[in-house]
Amino acid sequence: MQDAAAHKLASYVDALRPLISITTFDFQAVDTLIAQVGRGFDIYEYNHADGRIDFRTKAPLQRSDLGTFLALFDTNEPKKIFVVLKDVHESLSNPAIIARLKSIALKSMYSDYYYVTIFLVNSIQVIPPELEKMITIFDIPLPTQAQIQRIIVDYAQGFGLPMAEEVINDLTVSFKGLSEFEIRQILNLAYQESGTIDQNDNALILKEKEQIIKKSGMLEIVVYDSSLSDVGGLAKLKEYLQCKARIFNNLGEAKKFGIDLPKGLLIVGMPGCGKSLTAKATAHLFQVPLLRLDIGKLMGKYVGESEGNLRKAIKTAEAVAPCVLWIDELEKAFAGVGGSGGGSDVTTRLFGNFLTWLQEKESSVYVVATSNDISKLPPEFLRKGRFDELFLVNLPDGEERRTIFEIHLRKRGKLTKSIDTIRLIQETEGFSGADIESVVKEAIETAFFSDQLGVTTEHVLQTIRLTKSISVTLKEKIDELRRVFERFDFKPANEISVRTI
């Protein structure tokens, strides 16, 4: 990991990139990289707490403000140095500091014998608009599978702990997506708690990954208890997910067989017809955590902050992998793509970064994106390669409505012989799954308030007659959506397949 990262960082230095931004909490890893790349360079360090310090010993040398420190290097004399600035993100809104950084950057780019590379090492990414074109963002790569194995083996050998190859392989998969610092911290915790390291520590690793999610603030852990049996209809989609689950739950064997990692799927269609429920059921089927990404939470006030937040969210999801990443109402998340103005420009950049990740991702993060109105989606989302498959969810037909009635009545203990589901489906043409759930809940409440011992068909029918379905309340919108869907070749989620799993 260090060699690949050092090579990439050295290429930026050789290309005379004057300002390199590194956003991380692991300053030790950054120091190691900079020392590796900076052989032959004098290295000066400044941090917000102590002022100028010795880069190698971290001993304080001189207490001064950042402007005074930077002035030492803003001269016309020949130089070949690295300047490391840590936790100075708050100072990057100061016009004097910005001007000084710009002056040094321009000298480094255009003056002979003046080679000054400034590393902005912060826990929070801040990129002043005035310096945007001069700053290069550098991300420290996460350890590969082979590197994770080496970390585990080295740690075990350091404490004389015997570890079977099977245990090492299992822990390696669980640690995928974590930094070396985080891996060592968890190994320390596991060893302190039990005096050994074994497969039982997988639960501890998962808990620590949940901590990462909560602290990031970019993602939400969704607690779910929904399975595919809770989804009425959508037979074709459910069949597809069961096939993917066989791959996802046997990634090692599937990869050896030559199967690519599943990317995810996009589910579009009518509101209230089970798209969000399917996302939850997918995580249950795959037996992995469900994370929800709210694009709105990524928006920041500084240039580059939103993109940095997206990278952080993606890294967090990959740290928790294998997992399902759910993006609800995708059309709202990327509204404004391709427009003009500050907000649209930020959204467009986020969209581009997200698409690139979707196309190139090699992690076991399975993306489930849902959308009601694809007319507002950029067409790039609908191209194969972004998602494994695109499914269209329509309003449920009669048989699907019967299944949905039975699911909600059974869930509440009211599915009895006194309920004639055939009569119910005859009266609910154009009802969505959400409409049917609402009818069942209201009918049960009515029976309760009427001191009835149970719920009858007539109770439900009375509620149906008082309910306006989505196809009535949103008739124009539904008709418009149908016309839009006809223009695309989506795979129907509601179609019943004769193929068996």
Protein backbone atom coordinates (compact mmCIF):
# COMPACT_ATOMS: atom_id res chain seq x y z
CA MET A 1 0.00 0.00 0.00
CA GLN A 2 2.75 2.40 0.98
CA ASP A 3 4.72 1.79 -2.22
CA ALA A 4 1.73 2.42 -4.51
CA ALA A 5 0.66 5.50 -2.54
CA ALA A 6 4.21 6.84 -2.42
CA HIS A 7 4.59 6.37 -6.18
CA LYS A 8 1.35 8.30 -6.81
CA LEU A 9 2.33 11.09 -4.42
CA ALA A 10 5.83 11.31 -5.93
CA SER A 11 4.28 11.70 -9.38
CA TYR A 12 2.33 14.74 -8.15
CA VAL A 13 5.50 16.25 -6.69
CA ASP A 14 7.44 15.60 -9.91
CA ALA A 15 4.62 17.22 -11.89
CA LEU A 16 5.16 20.41 -9.84
CA ARG A 17 1.76 20.27 -8.15
CA PRO A 18 2.32 23.07 -5.61
CA LEU A 19 -0.55 22.39 -3.16
CA ILE A 20 -1.59 18.85 -2.22
CA SER A 21 -4.63 18.37 0.00
CA ILE A 22 -4.80 15.20 2.12
CA THR A 23 -7.91 14.71 4.25
CA THR A 24 -7.38 12.07 6.93
CA PHE A 25 -7.27 11.46 10.66
CA ASP A 26 -4.21 9.19 10.41
CA PHE A 27 -1.42 11.76 10.41
CA GLN A 28 1.16 9.05 11.15
CA ALA A 29 0.45 7.36 7.82
CA VAL A 30 0.79 10.72 6.04
CA ASP A 31 4.13 11.42 7.73
CA THR A 32 5.42 8.03 6.62
CA LEU A 33 4.42 8.72 3.02
CA ILE A 34 5.87 12.22 2.95
CA ALA A 35 9.15 11.01 4.48
CA GLN A 36 9.34 8.26 1.84
CA VAL A 37 8.70 10.67 -1.02
CA GLY A 38 10.75 13.51 0.46
CA ARG A 39 14.19 11.93 0.45
CA GLY A 40 16.56 14.72 -0.56
CA PHE A 41 14.09 17.43 0.50
CA ASP A 42 14.16 19.55 3.64
CA ILE A 43 10.80 19.06 5.37
CA TYR A 44 9.20 21.79 7.50
CA GLU A 45 6.08 21.19 9.57
CA TYR A 46 3.51 23.49 11.17
CA ASN A 47 0.42 22.60 13.13
CA HIS A 48 -2.35 24.70 14.58
CA ALA A 49 -1.60 23.72 18.19
CA ASP A 50 2.20 24.14 18.45
CA GLY A 51 3.29 26.28 15.52
CA ARG A 52 6.51 25.16 13.85
CA ILE A 53 7.68 21.69 14.93
CA ASP A 54 10.40 19.25 13.94
CA PHE A 55 8.94 16.95 11.28
CA ARG A 56 10.77 13.85 12.49
CA THR A 57 10.76 14.25 16.30
CA LYS A 58 7.59 16.42 16.58
CA ALA A 59 9.39 18.60 19.09
CA PRO A 60 8.10 22.24 19.15
CA LEU A 61 10.59 24.65 17.58
CA GLN A 62 8.93 28.04 17.36
CA ARG A 63 5.51 29.33 18.32
CA SER A 64 4.25 31.61 15.54
CA ASP A 65 1.17 32.29 13.47
CA LEU A 66 0.72 30.58 10.13
CA GLY A 67 1.30 33.73 8.10
CA THR A 68 4.69 34.34 9.70
CA PHE A 69 5.67 30.71 9.14
CA LEU A 70 4.72 30.76 5.45
CA ALA A 71 6.60 34.03 4.92
CA LEU A 72 9.85 32.13 5.57
CA PHE A 73 9.41 30.35 2.23
CA ASP A 74 7.87 33.13 0.13
CA THR A 75 11.21 34.42 -1.15
CA ASN A 76 13.05 34.38 -4.48
CA GLU A 77 15.89 32.19 -3.24
CA PRO A 78 16.34 28.67 -4.73
CA LYS A 79 14.64 26.01 -2.63
CA LYS A 80 13.89 22.31 -2.65
CA ILE A 81 11.58 21.72 0.30
CA PHE A 82 8.34 20.19 1.54
CA VAL A 83 6.06 22.23 3.79
CA VAL A 84 3.55 20.20 5.84
CA LEU A 85 0.61 22.14 7.31
CA LYS A 86 -1.64 20.22 9.71
CA ASP A 87 -5.10 21.14 11.02
CA VAL A 88 -5.02 24.59 9.43
CA HIS A 89 -8.42 24.30 7.71
CA GLU A 90 -9.86 27.20 9.73
CA SER A 91 -7.04 29.47 8.52
CA LEU A 92 -7.89 28.75 4.88
CA SER A 93 -10.65 31.37 4.99
CA ASN A 94 -8.10 34.09 5.83
CA PRO A 95 -7.38 36.24 2.72
CA ALA A 96 -3.78 36.86 3.86
CA ILE A 97 -3.10 33.12 4.20
CA ILE A 98 -4.72 32.42 0.82
CA ALA A 99 -2.60 35.13 -0.81
CA ARG A 100 0.58 33.74 0.74
CA LEU A 101 -0.18 30.18 -0.38
CA LYS A 102 -0.96 31.45 -3.88
CA SER A 103 2.31 33.36 -4.05
CA ILE A 104 4.34 30.31 -3.04
CA ALA A 105 2.40 28.08 -5.46
CA LEU A 106 3.02 30.40 -8.40
CA LYS A 107 6.74 30.62 -7.64
CA SER A 108 6.94 26.84 -7.45
CA MET A 109 5.17 26.50 -10.80
CA TYR A 110 7.07 29.15 -12.75
CA SER A 111 10.41 29.97 -11.05
CA ASP A 112 13.57 28.04 -11.81
CA TYR A 113 15.28 26.29 -8.89
CA TYR A 114 12.27 27.00 -6.62
CA TYR A 115 10.63 23.70 -5.72
CA VAL A 116 8.23 24.05 -2.79
CA THR A 117 5.42 21.53 -2.31
CA ILE A 118 2.89 22.38 0.38
CA PHE A 119 0.86 19.54 1.92
CA LEU A 120 -2.46 20.59 3.48
CA VAL A 121 -3.14 17.75 5.92
CA ASN A 122 -6.50 18.23 7.63
CA SER A 123 -9.27 16.19 9.18
CA ILE A 124 -11.77 18.39 7.32
CA GLN A 125 -11.37 19.15 3.64
CA VAL A 126 -11.48 22.88 2.87
CA ILE A 127 -10.55 24.22 -0.57
CA PRO A 128 -10.69 28.02 -0.95
CA PRO A 129 -12.13 29.05 -4.35
CA GLU A 130 -9.04 31.18 -5.00
CA LEU A 131 -6.81 28.10 -4.77
CA GLU A 132 -9.10 25.51 -6.36
CA LYS A 133 -7.13 25.24 -9.63
CA MET A 134 -3.82 24.92 -7.78
CA ILE A 135 -4.83 22.25 -5.28
CA THR A 136 -4.52 18.53 -5.99
CA ILE A 137 -6.52 16.14 -3.82
CA PHE A 138 -4.67 13.02 -2.71
CA ASP A 139 -6.48 10.09 -1.11
CA ILE A 140 -4.50 7.54 0.87
CA PRO A 141 -5.54 4.14 -0.53
CA LEU A 142 -6.95 1.49 1.77
CA PRO A 143 -5.01 -1.77 2.26
CA THR A 144 -5.54 -4.52 -0.29
CA GLN A 145 -6.52 -8.05 0.72
CA ALA A 146 -2.90 -9.21 0.70
CA GLN A 147 -1.84 -6.21 2.79
CA ILE A 148 -4.63 -6.82 5.32
CA GLN A 149 -3.45 -10.42 5.69
CA ARG A 150 0.08 -9.20 6.30
CA ILE A 151 -1.11 -6.76 8.98
CA ILE A 152 -3.02 -9.54 10.78
CA VAL A 153 -0.13 -12.01 10.57
CA ASP A 154 2.42 -9.42 11.74
CA TYR A 155 0.20 -8.49 14.69
CA ALA A 156 -0.35 -12.13 15.68
CA GLN A 157 3.36 -12.92 15.43
CA GLY A 158 4.17 -9.89 17.56
CA PHE A 159 2.14 -11.36 20.43
CA GLY A 160 2.96 -15.00 19.70
CA LEU A 161 -0.66 -15.82 18.83
CA PRO A 162 -1.28 -18.97 16.77
CA MET A 163 -3.80 -18.31 13.96
CA ALA A 164 -5.23 -20.82 11.52
CA GLU A 165 -5.31 -19.87 7.84
CA GLU A 166 -9.12 -20.07 7.88
CA VAL A 167 -9.30 -17.48 10.68
CA ILE A 168 -6.91 -15.15 8.85
CA ASN A 169 -8.99 -15.40 5.66
CA ASP A 170 -12.27 -14.70 7.48
CA LEU A 171 -10.83 -11.69 9.32
CA THR A 172 -9.31 -10.39 6.09
CA VAL A 173 -12.75 -10.25 4.46
CA SER A 174 -14.24 -8.57 7.53
CA PHE A 175 -11.46 -5.95 7.66
CA LYS A 176 -11.86 -5.03 3.98
CA GLY A 177 -12.41 -1.29 3.62
CA LEU A 178 -10.67 -0.25 6.86
CA SER A 179 -7.41 1.65 7.12
CA GLU A 180 -4.31 0.11 8.68
CA PHE A 181 -4.80 2.34 11.72
CA GLU A 182 -8.38 1.12 12.20
CA ILE A 183 -7.40 -2.52 11.70
CA ARG A 184 -4.70 -2.32 14.35
CA GLN A 185 -7.07 -0.55 16.75
CA ILE A 186 -9.64 -3.34 16.42
CA LEU A 187 -6.98 -6.04 16.77
CA ASN A 188 -5.81 -4.32 19.97
CA LEU A 189 -9.37 -4.25 21.31
CA ALA A 190 -10.00 -7.91 20.44
CA TYR A 191 -6.75 -9.00 22.06
CA GLN A 192 -7.38 -6.98 25.22
CA GLU A 193 -10.90 -8.41 25.61
CA SER A 194 -10.16 -12.10 25.10
CA GLY A 195 -6.40 -12.56 24.99
CA THR A 196 -6.68 -14.06 21.53
CA ILE A 197 -7.92 -13.28 18.02
CA ASP A 198 -10.33 -15.63 16.29
CA GLN A 199 -13.48 -15.82 14.14
CA ASN A 200 -15.63 -14.66 17.05
CA ASP A 201 -14.11 -11.21 16.58
CA ASN A 202 -16.12 -10.72 13.37
CA ALA A 203 -19.00 -9.42 15.51
CA LEU A 204 -16.63 -6.94 17.16
CA ILE A 205 -15.42 -5.78 13.74
CA LEU A 206 -19.02 -5.19 12.62
CA LYS A 207 -19.75 -3.13 15.77
CA GLU A 208 -16.66 -1.02 15.14
CA LYS A 209 -17.76 -0.49 11.54
CA GLU A 210 -21.12 0.72 12.82
CA GLN A 211 -19.23 3.24 14.95
CA ILE A 212 -17.51 4.49 11.81
CA ILE A 213 -20.90 5.05 10.15
CA LYS A 214 -22.35 6.91 13.12
CA LYS A 215 -19.30 9.16 13.46
CA SER A 216 -19.19 9.98 9.76
CA GLY A 217 -22.65 11.60 9.79
CA MET A 218 -22.88 10.98 6.02
CA LEU A 219 -24.74 7.69 6.12
CA GLU A 220 -27.60 6.28 8.13
CA ILE A 221 -27.84 2.70 9.38
CA VAL A 222 -31.36 1.50 8.62
CA VAL A 223 -32.82 -1.03 11.04
CA TYR A 224 -35.03 -3.37 9.07
CA ASP A 225 -37.13 -6.48 9.64
CA SER A 226 -38.53 -6.83 6.13
CA SER A 227 -37.93 -9.89 3.99
CA LEU A 228 -38.94 -10.76 0.44
CA SER A 229 -42.04 -12.45 1.85
CA ASP A 230 -43.22 -9.00 2.96
CA VAL A 231 -43.11 -7.77 -0.65
CA GLY A 232 -46.37 -8.42 -2.49
CA GLY A 233 -45.95 -9.29 -6.16
CA LEU A 234 -42.80 -8.18 -8.02
CA ALA A 235 -42.08 -11.84 -8.79
CA LYS A 236 -39.49 -11.13 -11.49
CA LEU A 237 -37.56 -8.71 -9.28
CA LYS A 238 -37.64 -11.09 -6.32
CA GLU A 239 -36.38 -13.94 -8.50
CA TYR A 240 -33.53 -11.74 -9.74
CA LEU A 241 -32.52 -10.78 -6.19
CA GLN A 242 -32.50 -14.41 -5.07
CA CYS A 243 -30.03 -15.18 -7.86
CA LYS A 244 -27.83 -12.25 -6.84
CA ALA A 245 -28.00 -13.37 -3.22
CA ARG A 246 -26.46 -16.70 -4.18
CA ILE A 247 -23.53 -14.77 -5.67
CA PHE A 248 -23.31 -12.21 -2.86
CA ASN A 249 -23.33 -14.85 -0.13
CA ASN A 250 -20.59 -16.84 -1.88
CA LEU A 251 -18.35 -14.09 -3.21
CA GLY A 252 -15.15 -16.11 -2.91
CA GLU A 253 -16.44 -19.04 -4.96
CA ALA A 254 -18.21 -16.75 -7.45
CA LYS A 255 -15.03 -14.76 -8.04
CA LYS A 256 -13.01 -17.93 -8.64
CA PHE A 257 -15.65 -18.99 -11.15
CA GLY A 258 -15.15 -15.73 -13.04
CA ILE A 259 -18.29 -13.88 -11.92
CA ASP A 260 -17.92 -10.14 -11.42
CA LEU A 261 -18.94 -8.51 -8.15
CA PRO A 262 -22.61 -7.43 -8.36
CA LYS A 263 -22.87 -3.64 -8.70
CA GLY A 264 -26.51 -3.05 -7.83
CA LEU A 265 -29.82 -2.22 -9.44
CA LEU A 266 -32.06 0.73 -10.21
CA ILE A 267 -35.77 0.32 -9.44
CA VAL A 268 -38.11 2.84 -11.05
CA GLY A 269 -41.87 3.01 -11.18
CA MET A 270 -45.08 3.98 -9.50
CA PRO A 271 -45.07 5.52 -6.01
CA GLY A 272 -46.14 3.28 -3.15
CA CYS A 273 -45.52 0.01 -4.97
CA GLY A 274 -42.73 -1.53 -2.91
CA LYS A 275 -39.49 0.02 -4.15
CA SER A 276 -38.26 1.11 -0.72
CA LEU A 277 -39.51 -2.09 0.89
CA THR A 278 -37.52 -4.06 -1.69
CA ALA A 279 -34.33 -2.21 -0.68
CA LYS A 280 -34.83 -3.33 2.93
CA ALA A 281 -35.71 -6.86 1.85
CA THR A 282 -32.53 -7.00 -0.25
CA ALA A 283 -30.34 -6.35 2.79
CA HIS A 284 -32.26 -9.04 4.69
CA LEU A 285 -31.80 -11.50 1.82
CA PHE A 286 -28.08 -10.74 1.54
CA GLN A 287 -27.72 -10.82 5.35
CA VAL A 288 -25.74 -7.57 5.42
CA PRO A 289 -26.15 -4.07 6.93
CA LEU A 290 -28.40 -1.57 5.13
CA LEU A 291 -27.03 1.97 4.74
CA ARG A 292 -29.01 4.91 3.38
CA LEU A 293 -27.25 7.76 1.57
CA ASP A 294 -28.91 11.16 1.61
CA ILE A 295 -27.20 13.26 -1.07
CA GLY A 296 -28.56 16.44 0.55
CA LYS A 297 -26.41 15.79 3.63
CA LEU A 298 -23.28 15.90 1.49
CA MET A 299 -23.69 19.53 0.45
CA GLY A 300 -21.04 21.79 2.00
CA LYS A 301 -20.41 25.51 1.96
CA TYR A 302 -16.79 25.38 0.74
CA VAL A 303 -15.54 24.60 -2.74
CA GLY A 304 -14.78 20.89 -2.96
CA GLU A 305 -16.38 20.13 0.41
CA SER A 306 -19.41 18.38 -1.12
CA GLU A 307 -17.22 16.18 -3.31
CA GLY A 308 -15.05 15.44 -0.29
CA ASN A 309 -18.15 14.42 1.67
CA LEU A 310 -19.18 12.06 -1.13
CA ARG A 311 -15.74 10.43 -1.11
CA LYS A 312 -16.00 10.09 2.66
CA ALA A 313 -19.46 8.51 2.41
CA ILE A 314 -18.25 6.05 -0.22
CA LYS A 315 -15.18 5.16 1.84
CA THR A 316 -17.42 4.62 4.87
CA ALA A 317 -19.74 2.32 2.89
CA GLU A 318 -16.74 0.38 1.59
CA ALA A 319 -15.41 0.09 5.13
CA VAL A 320 -18.66 -1.58 6.18
CA ALA A 321 -18.84 -3.80 3.08
CA PRO A 322 -20.35 -6.21 2.38
CA CYS A 323 -23.46 -4.06 2.66
CA VAL A 324 -26.41 -2.65 0.74
CA LEU A 325 -26.26 1.08 -0.01
CA TRP A 326 -29.76 2.48 -0.53
CA ILE A 327 -30.32 5.76 -2.36
CA ASP A 328 -34.01 6.68 -2.23
CA GLU A 329 -35.69 9.04 -4.72
CA LEU A 330 -32.62 9.29 -6.90
CA GLU A 331 -34.18 11.95 -9.10
CA LYS A 332 -34.31 14.38 -6.15
CA ALA A 333 -30.75 13.61 -5.11
CA PHE A 334 -29.33 14.74 -8.46
CA ALA A 335 -31.86 17.39 -9.42
CA GLY A 336 -30.17 20.25 -11.27
CA VAL A 337 -27.51 18.20 -13.06
CA GLY A 338 -26.42 20.00 -16.20
CA GLY A 339 -27.87 23.34 -15.12
CA SER A 340 -26.00 26.57 -14.51
CA GLY A 341 -25.17 28.26 -11.25
CA GLY A 342 -23.28 27.34 -8.09
CA GLY A 343 -25.73 24.74 -6.76
CA SER A 344 -26.12 23.02 -10.12
CA ASP A 345 -22.36 22.98 -10.67
CA VAL A 346 -21.83 21.23 -7.33
CA THR A 347 -24.58 18.70 -8.08
CA THR A 348 -23.11 18.02 -11.51
CA ARG A 349 -19.67 17.35 -10.01
CA LEU A 350 -21.22 15.05 -7.37
CA PHE A 351 -23.11 13.25 -10.11
CA GLY A 352 -19.93 12.74 -12.14
CA ASN A 353 -18.00 11.44 -9.15
CA PHE A 354 -20.83 9.10 -8.19
CA LEU A 355 -21.14 7.71 -11.73
CA THR A 356 -17.40 7.09 -11.90
CA TRP A 357 -17.51 5.17 -8.64
CA LEU A 358 -20.49 3.11 -9.82
CA GLN A 359 -18.68 2.24 -13.03
CA GLU A 360 -15.34 1.36 -11.46
CA LYS A 361 -16.15 0.09 -7.97
CA GLU A 362 -14.63 -3.21 -6.95
CA SER A 363 -16.02 -3.39 -3.43
CA SER A 364 -18.91 -5.55 -2.19
CA VAL A 365 -21.19 -2.52 -1.77
CA TYR A 366 -24.47 -3.41 -3.48
CA VAL A 367 -26.27 -0.24 -4.55
CA VAL A 368 -30.07 -0.19 -4.59
CA ALA A 369 -31.32 3.08 -6.08
CA THR A 370 -35.02 3.89 -6.36
CA SER A 371 -36.78 6.54 -8.41
CA ASN A 372 -40.38 7.56 -9.09
CA ASP A 373 -39.82 10.01 -11.94
CA ILE A 374 -37.04 9.01 -14.33
CA SER A 375 -37.81 11.98 -16.60
CA LYS A 376 -35.77 14.03 -14.11
CA LEU A 377 -32.88 11.58 -14.08
CA PRO A 378 -29.77 12.25 -16.19
CA PRO A 379 -29.73 9.70 -19.04
CA GLU A 380 -26.28 8.46 -17.98
CA PHE A 381 -27.93 6.62 -15.09
CA LEU A 382 -29.96 4.49 -17.49
CA ARG A 383 -26.96 3.11 -19.38
CA LYS A 384 -25.90 -0.48 -18.73
CA GLY A 385 -22.70 -0.69 -16.77
CA ARG A 386 -23.77 1.71 -14.04
CA PHE A 387 -26.19 -0.85 -12.61
CA ASP A 388 -26.48 -4.56 -13.29
CA GLU A 389 -30.16 -4.22 -14.12
CA LEU A 390 -32.98 -1.66 -14.39
CA PHE A 391 -36.42 -2.76 -13.16
CA LEU A 392 -39.83 -1.14 -13.68
CA VAL A 393 -42.47 -1.49 -10.95
CA ASN A 394 -46.07 -1.06 -12.08
CA LEU A 395 -49.29 -0.83 -10.09
CA PRO A 396 -50.15 -4.32 -8.82
CA ASP A 397 -52.51 -6.53 -10.81
CA GLY A 398 -55.34 -8.50 -9.24
CA GLU A 399 -53.28 -11.46 -8.05
CA GLU A 400 -50.62 -9.15 -6.62
CA ARG A 401 -53.27 -7.09 -4.82
CA ARG A 402 -54.64 -10.27 -3.26
CA THR A 403 -51.14 -11.18 -2.04
CA ILE A 404 -50.64 -7.68 -0.60
CA PHE A 405 -53.99 -7.85 1.25
CA GLU A 406 -53.03 -11.21 2.71
CA ILE A 407 -49.60 -9.97 3.80
CA HIS A 408 -50.99 -6.99 5.72
CA LEU A 409 -53.95 -8.87 7.19
CA ARG A 410 -51.72 -11.77 8.28
CA LYS A 411 -49.15 -9.37 9.80
CA ARG A 412 -51.93 -8.02 12.05
CA GLY A 413 -53.50 -11.39 12.79
CA LYS A 414 -56.69 -10.64 10.83
CA LEU A 415 -56.43 -13.03 7.87
CA THR A 416 -59.44 -15.32 8.49
CA LYS A 417 -62.03 -17.21 6.45
CA SER A 418 -64.36 -14.23 6.93
CA ILE A 419 -62.22 -12.16 4.54
CA ASP A 420 -63.14 -12.61 0.87
CA THR A 421 -60.01 -11.41 -0.92
CA ILE A 422 -61.59 -11.97 -4.35
CA ARG A 423 -64.20 -9.28 -3.60
CA LEU A 424 -61.47 -7.01 -2.28
CA ILE A 425 -59.36 -7.17 -5.42
CA GLN A 426 -62.42 -6.55 -7.59
CA GLU A 427 -62.93 -3.23 -5.81
CA THR A 428 -59.27 -2.07 -5.77
CA GLU A 429 -58.30 -1.69 -9.41
CA GLY A 430 -55.66 1.06 -9.61
CA PHE A 431 -54.68 0.80 -5.92
CA SER A 432 -50.99 0.78 -5.00
CA GLY A 433 -49.45 -1.41 -2.33
CA ALA A 434 -49.33 1.60 0.01
CA ASP A 435 -53.04 2.25 -0.67
CA ILE A 436 -53.88 -1.32 0.29
CA GLU A 437 -51.82 -1.18 3.48
CA SER A 438 -53.61 2.03 4.45
CA VAL A 439 -57.01 0.40 3.78
CA VAL A 440 -56.19 -2.60 5.97
CA LYS A 441 -54.94 -0.45 8.85
CA GLU A 442 -57.97 1.84 8.73
CA ALA A 443 -60.43 -1.08 8.49
CA ILE A 444 -58.91 -2.68 11.58
CA GLU A 445 -59.14 0.62 13.47
CA THR A 446 -62.79 1.01 12.45
CA ALA A 447 -63.60 -2.49 13.68
CA PHE A 448 -61.82 -1.77 16.96
CA PHE A 449 -63.70 1.49 17.57
CA SER A 450 -66.98 -0.27 16.72
CA ASP A 451 -66.30 -2.91 19.40
CA GLN A 452 -66.29 -5.64 16.78
CA LEU A 453 -64.68 -8.97 17.61
CA GLY A 454 -62.98 -9.25 14.24
CA VAL A 455 -62.54 -7.71 10.83
CA THR A 456 -64.92 -8.73 8.06
CA THR A 457 -64.92 -8.29 4.31
CA GLU A 458 -67.55 -5.58 4.71
CA HIS A 459 -65.29 -3.58 7.06
CA VAL A 460 -62.57 -3.58 4.43
CA LEU A 461 -64.98 -2.81 1.58
CA GLN A 462 -66.41 0.18 3.44
CA THR A 463 -62.90 1.55 3.86
CA ILE A 464 -62.11 0.93 0.19
CA ARG A 465 -65.18 2.93 -0.87
CA LEU A 466 -63.99 5.88 1.23
CA THR A 467 -60.43 5.70 -0.14
CA LYS A 468 -59.19 7.41 -3.27
CA SER A 469 -56.37 5.42 -4.81
CA ILE A 470 -53.15 6.90 -6.13
CA SER A 471 -54.36 6.35 -9.70
CA VAL A 472 -57.23 8.74 -8.93
CA THR A 473 -55.51 11.37 -6.76
CA LEU A 474 -52.45 11.50 -9.03
CA LYS A 475 -54.10 10.48 -12.30
CA GLU A 476 -52.29 13.02 -14.49
CA LYS A 477 -48.93 12.22 -12.91
CA ILE A 478 -49.46 8.47 -13.22
CA ASP A 479 -50.46 8.81 -16.88
CA GLU A 480 -47.38 10.94 -17.52
CA LEU A 481 -45.12 8.39 -15.83
CA ARG A 482 -46.60 5.59 -17.93
CA ARG A 483 -45.81 7.51 -21.11
CA VAL A 484 -42.24 8.08 -19.93
CA PHE A 485 -41.73 4.42 -18.97
CA GLU A 486 -42.89 3.27 -22.41
CA ARG A 487 -39.89 5.02 -23.98
CA PHE A 488 -37.40 2.85 -22.11
CA ASP A 489 -36.61 -0.85 -22.20
CA PHE A 490 -36.90 -1.66 -18.50
CA LYS A 491 -37.20 -5.20 -17.20
CA PRO A 492 -40.69 -5.60 -15.69
CA ALA A 493 -40.55 -6.31 -11.96
CA ASN A 494 -44.16 -7.56 -11.85
CA GLU A 495 -43.81 -10.16 -14.58
CA ILE A 496 -44.09 -13.74 -13.34
CA SER A 497 -41.29 -15.97 -14.60
CA VAL A 498 -41.38 -19.71 -15.14
CA ARG A 499 -37.64 -19.95 -14.42
CA THR A 500 -36.82 -21.66 -11.16
CA ILE A 501 -33.95 -20.89 -8.80
